[in-house]
Amino acid sequence: MMTDAEKLAFAEKFLGAIESGDTDTVRACYAPDAQIWHNNDGVTQTVEQNMKVLGWFMAKLPDRHYRLVRRVALPDGFLQQHVLEATLPDGTRWEMPACVIVRIENGRITRLDEYLDSAHAKALNVLGR
């Protein structure tokens, strides 16, 4: 069982890896059968599907940064509320409020539920996938 401090350190490692583009660390944080769900499309992704989307996301928004609003340890993981900040390929500054609820078992993510502000997420749709 992870302590609250360990859960928060794990959150820092996981989100820091996404921010820095370290896909090996991101993948290592996921259990092989982890499920990743987003409110904007209602689809539950596999780790492979999520890694493909993250690869696209990292390529399109190379200067992404998570401005932390709050991060809290939960009995089975952590919750993070943040504002994702980046520069779109056309040079426009962009931000999107979001929240992730992450379940951790045996030191790896088994489920991640991400709530994105759909109005802000629309800006990414024009980038294509």
Protein backbone atom coordinates (compact mmCIF):
# COMPACT_ATOMS: atom_id res chain seq x y z
CA MET A 1 0.00 0.00 0.00
CA MET A 2 1.39 3.38 -1.03
CA THR A 3 1.57 6.23 1.44
CA ASP A 4 0.03 9.58 0.52
CA ALA A 5 3.53 10.98 -0.01
CA GLU A 6 4.35 8.11 -2.39
CA LYS A 7 1.13 8.68 -4.35
CA LEU A 8 1.93 12.38 -4.74
CA ALA A 9 5.52 11.59 -5.78
CA PHE A 10 4.14 9.12 -8.34
CA ALA A 11 1.80 11.84 -9.66
CA GLU A 12 4.76 14.21 -10.03
CA LYS A 13 6.75 11.55 -11.91
CA PHE A 14 3.85 10.63 -14.23
CA LEU A 15 2.70 14.16 -15.12
CA GLY A 16 6.31 15.36 -15.28
CA ALA A 17 7.05 12.62 -17.82
CA ILE A 18 4.14 13.75 -20.00
CA GLU A 19 5.27 17.36 -19.69
CA SER A 20 8.87 16.51 -20.66
CA GLY A 21 7.94 14.04 -23.43
CA ASP A 22 9.40 11.00 -21.65
CA THR A 23 7.15 8.33 -23.18
CA ASP A 24 9.15 5.44 -21.67
CA THR A 25 8.40 6.67 -18.14
CA VAL A 26 4.76 7.35 -19.03
CA ARG A 27 4.35 3.81 -20.36
CA ALA A 28 6.11 2.34 -17.30
CA CYS A 29 3.61 4.11 -15.02
CA TYR A 30 0.70 2.24 -16.61
CA ALA A 31 -0.29 -1.32 -15.74
CA PRO A 32 -0.44 -3.34 -18.99
CA ASP A 33 -4.25 -3.51 -18.86
CA ALA A 34 -4.84 0.06 -17.67
CA GLN A 35 -7.91 1.89 -18.91
CA ILE A 36 -7.80 5.57 -19.87
CA TRP A 37 -11.10 7.44 -20.25
CA HIS A 38 -11.82 11.02 -21.37
CA ASN A 39 -15.08 12.88 -20.83
CA ASN A 40 -14.90 14.68 -24.18
CA ASP A 41 -15.39 11.50 -26.22
CA GLY A 42 -16.55 8.92 -23.64
CA VAL A 43 -14.13 6.35 -25.08
CA THR A 44 -12.05 4.08 -22.86
CA GLN A 45 -8.57 3.64 -24.34
CA THR A 46 -5.97 0.93 -23.89
CA VAL A 47 -2.42 1.88 -22.96
CA GLU A 48 -1.34 1.49 -26.61
CA GLN A 49 -4.14 3.75 -27.85
CA ASN A 50 -3.32 6.33 -25.21
CA MET A 51 0.40 6.26 -26.01
CA LYS A 52 -0.41 6.92 -29.67
CA VAL A 53 -2.54 9.94 -28.72
CA LEU A 54 0.15 11.17 -26.31
CA GLY A 55 2.76 10.88 -29.06
CA TRP A 56 0.62 13.06 -31.34
CA PHE A 57 -0.08 15.47 -28.48
CA MET A 58 3.61 15.80 -27.61
CA ALA A 59 4.54 16.42 -31.25
CA LYS A 60 1.85 19.08 -31.77
CA LEU A 61 2.38 20.86 -28.44
CA PRO A 62 6.12 20.60 -27.73
CA ASP A 63 6.17 23.33 -25.06
CA ARG A 64 3.28 21.97 -22.96
CA HIS A 65 3.19 22.74 -19.25
CA TYR A 66 0.84 21.72 -16.46
CA ARG A 67 0.02 24.65 -14.17
CA LEU A 68 -0.96 22.83 -11.00
CA VAL A 69 -4.15 23.97 -9.31
CA ARG A 70 -4.26 21.14 -6.78
CA ARG A 71 -3.04 17.60 -6.29
CA VAL A 72 -4.53 15.37 -3.60
CA ALA A 73 -3.81 11.81 -2.54
CA LEU A 74 -6.87 9.55 -2.60
CA PRO A 75 -7.29 6.20 -0.86
CA ASP A 76 -6.59 4.40 -4.17
CA GLY A 77 -4.52 6.97 -6.09
CA PHE A 78 -4.59 10.70 -6.66
CA LEU A 79 -6.57 13.57 -8.13
CA GLN A 80 -4.95 16.43 -9.99
CA GLN A 81 -6.61 19.60 -11.18
CA HIS A 82 -4.49 21.65 -13.57
CA VAL A 83 -4.43 24.03 -16.49
CA LEU A 84 -2.57 22.67 -19.49
CA GLU A 85 -0.69 25.50 -21.17
CA ALA A 86 0.98 25.32 -24.57
CA THR A 87 1.66 27.10 -27.83
CA LEU A 88 -0.31 25.88 -30.83
CA PRO A 89 1.60 25.29 -34.09
CA ASP A 90 0.40 28.67 -35.41
CA GLY A 91 2.03 30.43 -32.42
CA THR A 92 -1.21 31.06 -30.50
CA ARG A 93 -0.97 30.64 -26.73
CA TRP A 94 -3.52 28.08 -25.54
CA GLU A 95 -4.71 26.69 -22.23
CA MET A 96 -7.21 24.08 -21.10
CA PRO A 97 -8.50 23.43 -17.58
CA ALA A 98 -8.55 19.72 -16.77
CA CYS A 99 -8.75 17.21 -13.95
CA VAL A 100 -7.47 13.64 -13.72
CA ILE A 101 -8.53 10.99 -11.25
CA VAL A 102 -5.99 8.20 -11.17
CA ARG A 103 -6.31 4.75 -9.58
CA ILE A 104 -3.04 3.02 -8.67
CA GLU A 105 -2.60 -0.66 -7.83
CA ASN A 106 0.75 -2.31 -7.14
CA GLY A 107 2.56 0.93 -7.98
CA ARG A 108 1.06 1.37 -11.46
CA ILE A 109 -1.93 3.15 -12.96
CA THR A 110 -4.88 0.84 -13.57
CA ARG A 111 -7.41 3.53 -14.46
CA LEU A 112 -7.19 7.19 -15.41
CA ASP A 113 -10.29 9.33 -15.86
CA GLU A 114 -9.56 12.68 -17.48
CA TYR A 115 -12.04 15.54 -17.51
CA LEU A 116 -11.21 18.16 -20.12
CA ASP A 117 -12.91 21.47 -20.77
CA SER A 118 -14.47 20.60 -24.12
CA ALA A 119 -14.67 24.23 -25.26
CA HIS A 120 -10.89 24.54 -24.90
CA ALA A 121 -10.25 21.04 -26.32
CA LYS A 122 -11.89 22.06 -29.62
CA ALA A 123 -8.76 24.05 -30.46
CA LEU A 124 -6.91 20.73 -30.69
CA ASN A 125 -9.42 19.23 -33.11
CA VAL A 126 -8.25 21.60 -35.86
CA LEU A 127 -4.76 20.12 -35.53
CA GLY A 128 -6.06 16.77 -36.77
CA ARG A 129 -5.09 13.30 -35.70
